[in-house]
């Protein structure tokens, strides 16, 4: 097994659809500029309520990626 060194960043994704969609959107966008993303951890979940229903999800993630070299 290879030993890895990880760096982590914090992201916040949002979606009108679901928590899972908010997570996927944040990771997909980060993957455009951050290489070697390996894991994520949900740190916080929030939502917006309109007319008694959930209208929007916001999820804060800690995302880990391996360092090169």
N, C-alpha and C. Protein backbone atom coordinates (compact mmCIF):
# COMPACT_ATOMS: atom_id res chain seq x y z
N UNK A 1 0.85 -1.19 0.00
CA UNK A 1 0.00 0.00 0.00
C UNK A 1 0.88 1.24 0.00
N UNK A 2 0.55 2.19 -0.83
CA UNK A 2 1.29 3.43 -0.93
C UNK A 2 0.86 4.39 0.17
N UNK A 3 1.83 5.06 0.77
CA UNK A 3 1.52 6.09 1.76
C UNK A 3 1.19 7.38 1.04
N UNK A 4 0.08 8.00 1.38
CA UNK A 4 -0.33 9.25 0.75
C UNK A 4 -0.29 10.38 1.76
N UNK A 5 0.00 11.57 1.25
CA UNK A 5 -0.12 12.79 2.03
C UNK A 5 -1.30 13.54 1.42
N UNK A 6 -2.23 13.95 2.26
CA UNK A 6 -3.43 14.63 1.79
C UNK A 6 -3.43 16.09 2.19
N UNK A 7 -3.99 16.91 1.34
CA UNK A 7 -4.30 18.30 1.66
C UNK A 7 -5.81 18.38 1.60
N UNK A 8 -6.41 19.25 2.39
CA UNK A 8 -7.87 19.36 2.30
C UNK A 8 -8.28 20.82 2.17
N UNK A 9 -9.43 20.98 1.52
CA UNK A 9 -10.02 22.30 1.32
C UNK A 9 -11.48 22.22 1.74
N UNK A 10 -12.09 23.36 1.95
CA UNK A 10 -13.50 23.40 2.31
C UNK A 10 -14.28 23.98 1.13
N UNK A 11 -15.38 23.33 0.79
CA UNK A 11 -16.25 23.76 -0.30
C UNK A 11 -17.68 23.85 0.21
N UNK A 12 -18.47 24.69 -0.43
CA UNK A 12 -19.90 24.71 -0.15
C UNK A 12 -20.64 24.60 -1.48
N UNK A 13 -21.44 23.55 -1.61
CA UNK A 13 -22.24 23.32 -2.81
C UNK A 13 -23.69 23.61 -2.51
N UNK A 14 -24.43 23.99 -3.54
CA UNK A 14 -25.85 24.26 -3.35
C UNK A 14 -26.67 23.63 -4.46
N UNK A 15 -27.95 23.36 -4.15
CA UNK A 15 -28.85 22.74 -5.11
C UNK A 15 -30.29 22.95 -4.68
N UNK A 16 -31.14 23.13 -5.65
CA UNK A 16 -32.57 23.19 -5.38
C UNK A 16 -33.18 21.79 -5.38
N UNK A 17 -32.37 20.79 -5.76
CA UNK A 17 -32.87 19.42 -5.92
C UNK A 17 -32.70 18.56 -4.66
N UNK A 18 -31.43 18.46 -4.15
CA UNK A 18 -31.17 17.55 -3.03
C UNK A 18 -29.80 17.81 -2.41
N UNK A 19 -29.59 17.20 -1.25
CA UNK A 19 -28.28 17.26 -0.61
C UNK A 19 -27.24 16.58 -1.49
N UNK A 20 -27.60 15.42 -2.04
CA UNK A 20 -26.67 14.66 -2.89
C UNK A 20 -26.26 15.47 -4.11
N UNK A 21 -27.20 16.20 -4.69
CA UNK A 21 -26.90 17.02 -5.86
C UNK A 21 -25.97 18.17 -5.48
N UNK A 22 -26.17 18.76 -4.31
CA UNK A 22 -25.29 19.84 -3.84
C UNK A 22 -23.87 19.32 -3.67
N UNK A 23 -23.71 18.11 -3.11
CA UNK A 23 -22.40 17.50 -2.94
C UNK A 23 -21.76 17.24 -4.31
N UNK A 24 -22.51 16.63 -5.20
CA UNK A 24 -21.99 16.29 -6.53
C UNK A 24 -21.57 17.54 -7.30
N UNK A 25 -22.35 18.60 -7.20
CA UNK A 25 -22.01 19.84 -7.90
C UNK A 25 -20.71 20.44 -7.36
N UNK A 26 -20.54 20.45 -6.05
CA UNK A 26 -19.33 21.01 -5.45
C UNK A 26 -18.10 20.22 -5.87
N UNK A 27 -18.19 18.90 -5.82
CA UNK A 27 -17.05 18.06 -6.18
C UNK A 27 -16.74 18.16 -7.67
N UNK A 28 -17.77 18.16 -8.50
CA UNK A 28 -17.56 18.27 -9.95
C UNK A 28 -16.88 19.59 -10.31
N UNK A 29 -17.32 20.67 -9.70
CA UNK A 29 -16.72 21.98 -9.99
C UNK A 29 -15.28 22.03 -9.50
N UNK A 30 -15.02 21.53 -8.30
CA UNK A 30 -13.66 21.53 -7.76
C UNK A 30 -12.73 20.67 -8.61
N UNK A 31 -13.26 19.57 -9.16
CA UNK A 31 -12.46 18.66 -9.98
C UNK A 31 -11.96 19.31 -11.27
N UNK A 32 -12.57 20.42 -11.66
CA UNK A 32 -12.10 21.13 -12.85
C UNK A 32 -10.73 21.76 -12.64
N UNK A 33 -10.38 22.08 -11.39
CA UNK A 33 -9.10 22.74 -11.12
C UNK A 33 -8.24 22.03 -10.07
N UNK A 34 -8.81 21.11 -9.31
CA UNK A 34 -8.07 20.38 -8.27
C UNK A 34 -7.92 18.93 -8.72
N UNK A 35 -6.67 18.46 -8.80
CA UNK A 35 -6.42 17.08 -9.21
C UNK A 35 -6.39 16.15 -8.00
N UNK A 36 -6.64 14.89 -8.24
CA UNK A 36 -6.46 13.82 -7.25
C UNK A 36 -7.38 13.90 -6.04
N UNK A 37 -8.61 14.37 -6.23
CA UNK A 37 -9.58 14.38 -5.12
C UNK A 37 -9.87 12.92 -4.76
N UNK A 38 -9.79 12.59 -3.47
CA UNK A 38 -9.94 11.21 -3.01
C UNK A 38 -11.09 11.00 -2.03
N UNK A 39 -11.46 12.01 -1.26
CA UNK A 39 -12.50 11.80 -0.26
C UNK A 39 -13.20 13.12 0.06
N UNK A 40 -14.36 13.00 0.70
CA UNK A 40 -15.05 14.18 1.22
C UNK A 40 -15.75 13.82 2.51
N UNK A 41 -16.00 14.84 3.30
CA UNK A 41 -16.72 14.70 4.56
C UNK A 41 -17.73 15.85 4.64
N UNK A 42 -18.97 15.54 4.92
CA UNK A 42 -19.99 16.57 5.07
C UNK A 42 -19.82 17.21 6.45
N UNK A 43 -19.58 18.51 6.46
CA UNK A 43 -19.34 19.23 7.70
C UNK A 43 -20.61 19.92 8.21
N UNK A 44 -21.45 20.38 7.27
CA UNK A 44 -22.63 21.15 7.67
C UNK A 44 -23.67 21.08 6.56
N UNK A 45 -24.92 21.01 6.94
CA UNK A 45 -26.03 21.01 5.98
C UNK A 45 -27.03 22.07 6.40
N UNK A 46 -27.41 22.89 5.45
CA UNK A 46 -28.40 23.94 5.70
C UNK A 46 -29.44 23.91 4.60
N UNK A 47 -30.56 24.52 4.85
CA UNK A 47 -31.59 24.61 3.83
C UNK A 47 -32.37 25.89 3.94
N UNK A 48 -33.00 26.26 2.85
CA UNK A 48 -33.86 27.43 2.80
C UNK A 48 -35.31 26.95 2.68
N UNK A 49 -36.18 27.53 3.46
CA UNK A 49 -37.59 27.14 3.45
C UNK A 49 -38.41 28.27 2.84
N UNK A 50 -39.28 27.91 1.91
CA UNK A 50 -40.21 28.86 1.31
C UNK A 50 -41.61 28.24 1.31
N UNK A 51 -42.56 28.97 1.85
CA UNK A 51 -43.96 28.52 1.90
C UNK A 51 -44.10 27.14 2.54
N UNK A 52 -43.33 26.92 3.61
CA UNK A 52 -43.43 25.68 4.36
C UNK A 52 -42.76 24.47 3.74
N UNK A 53 -41.98 24.67 2.67
CA UNK A 53 -41.30 23.55 2.01
C UNK A 53 -39.83 23.88 1.80
N UNK A 54 -39.01 22.83 1.74
CA UNK A 54 -37.59 23.01 1.47
C UNK A 54 -37.44 23.50 0.03
N UNK A 55 -36.80 24.65 -0.13
CA UNK A 55 -36.63 25.24 -1.45
C UNK A 55 -35.21 25.10 -1.97
N UNK A 56 -34.23 24.98 -1.07
CA UNK A 56 -32.83 24.96 -1.50
C UNK A 56 -31.97 24.30 -0.42
N UNK A 57 -30.99 23.52 -0.86
CA UNK A 57 -30.03 22.86 0.03
C UNK A 57 -28.67 23.50 -0.12
N UNK A 58 -27.91 23.59 0.97
CA UNK A 58 -26.53 24.06 0.96
C UNK A 58 -25.73 23.13 1.86
N UNK A 59 -24.64 22.57 1.31
CA UNK A 59 -23.84 21.59 2.03
C UNK A 59 -22.37 22.02 2.03
N UNK A 60 -21.77 22.10 3.21
CA UNK A 60 -20.35 22.42 3.33
C UNK A 60 -19.57 21.12 3.49
N UNK A 61 -18.52 20.98 2.67
CA UNK A 61 -17.73 19.75 2.63
C UNK A 61 -16.28 20.03 2.95
N UNK A 62 -15.62 19.06 3.56
CA UNK A 62 -14.17 19.04 3.62
C UNK A 62 -13.77 18.03 2.55
N UNK A 63 -12.92 18.42 1.61
CA UNK A 63 -12.53 17.58 0.49
C UNK A 63 -11.03 17.35 0.55
N UNK A 64 -10.61 16.09 0.49
CA UNK A 64 -9.20 15.75 0.55
C UNK A 64 -8.66 15.31 -0.79
N UNK A 65 -7.43 15.71 -1.09
CA UNK A 65 -6.78 15.28 -2.32
C UNK A 65 -5.32 14.97 -2.03
N UNK A 66 -4.76 14.07 -2.82
CA UNK A 66 -3.37 13.68 -2.62
C UNK A 66 -2.44 14.69 -3.28
N UNK A 67 -1.31 14.92 -2.65
CA UNK A 67 -0.29 15.80 -3.20
C UNK A 67 0.58 15.02 -4.19
N UNK A 68 0.99 15.67 -5.24
CA UNK A 68 1.83 15.03 -6.24
C UNK A 68 3.30 15.12 -5.85
N UNK A 69 4.06 14.15 -6.35
CA UNK A 69 5.51 14.21 -6.17
C UNK A 69 5.91 13.50 -4.97
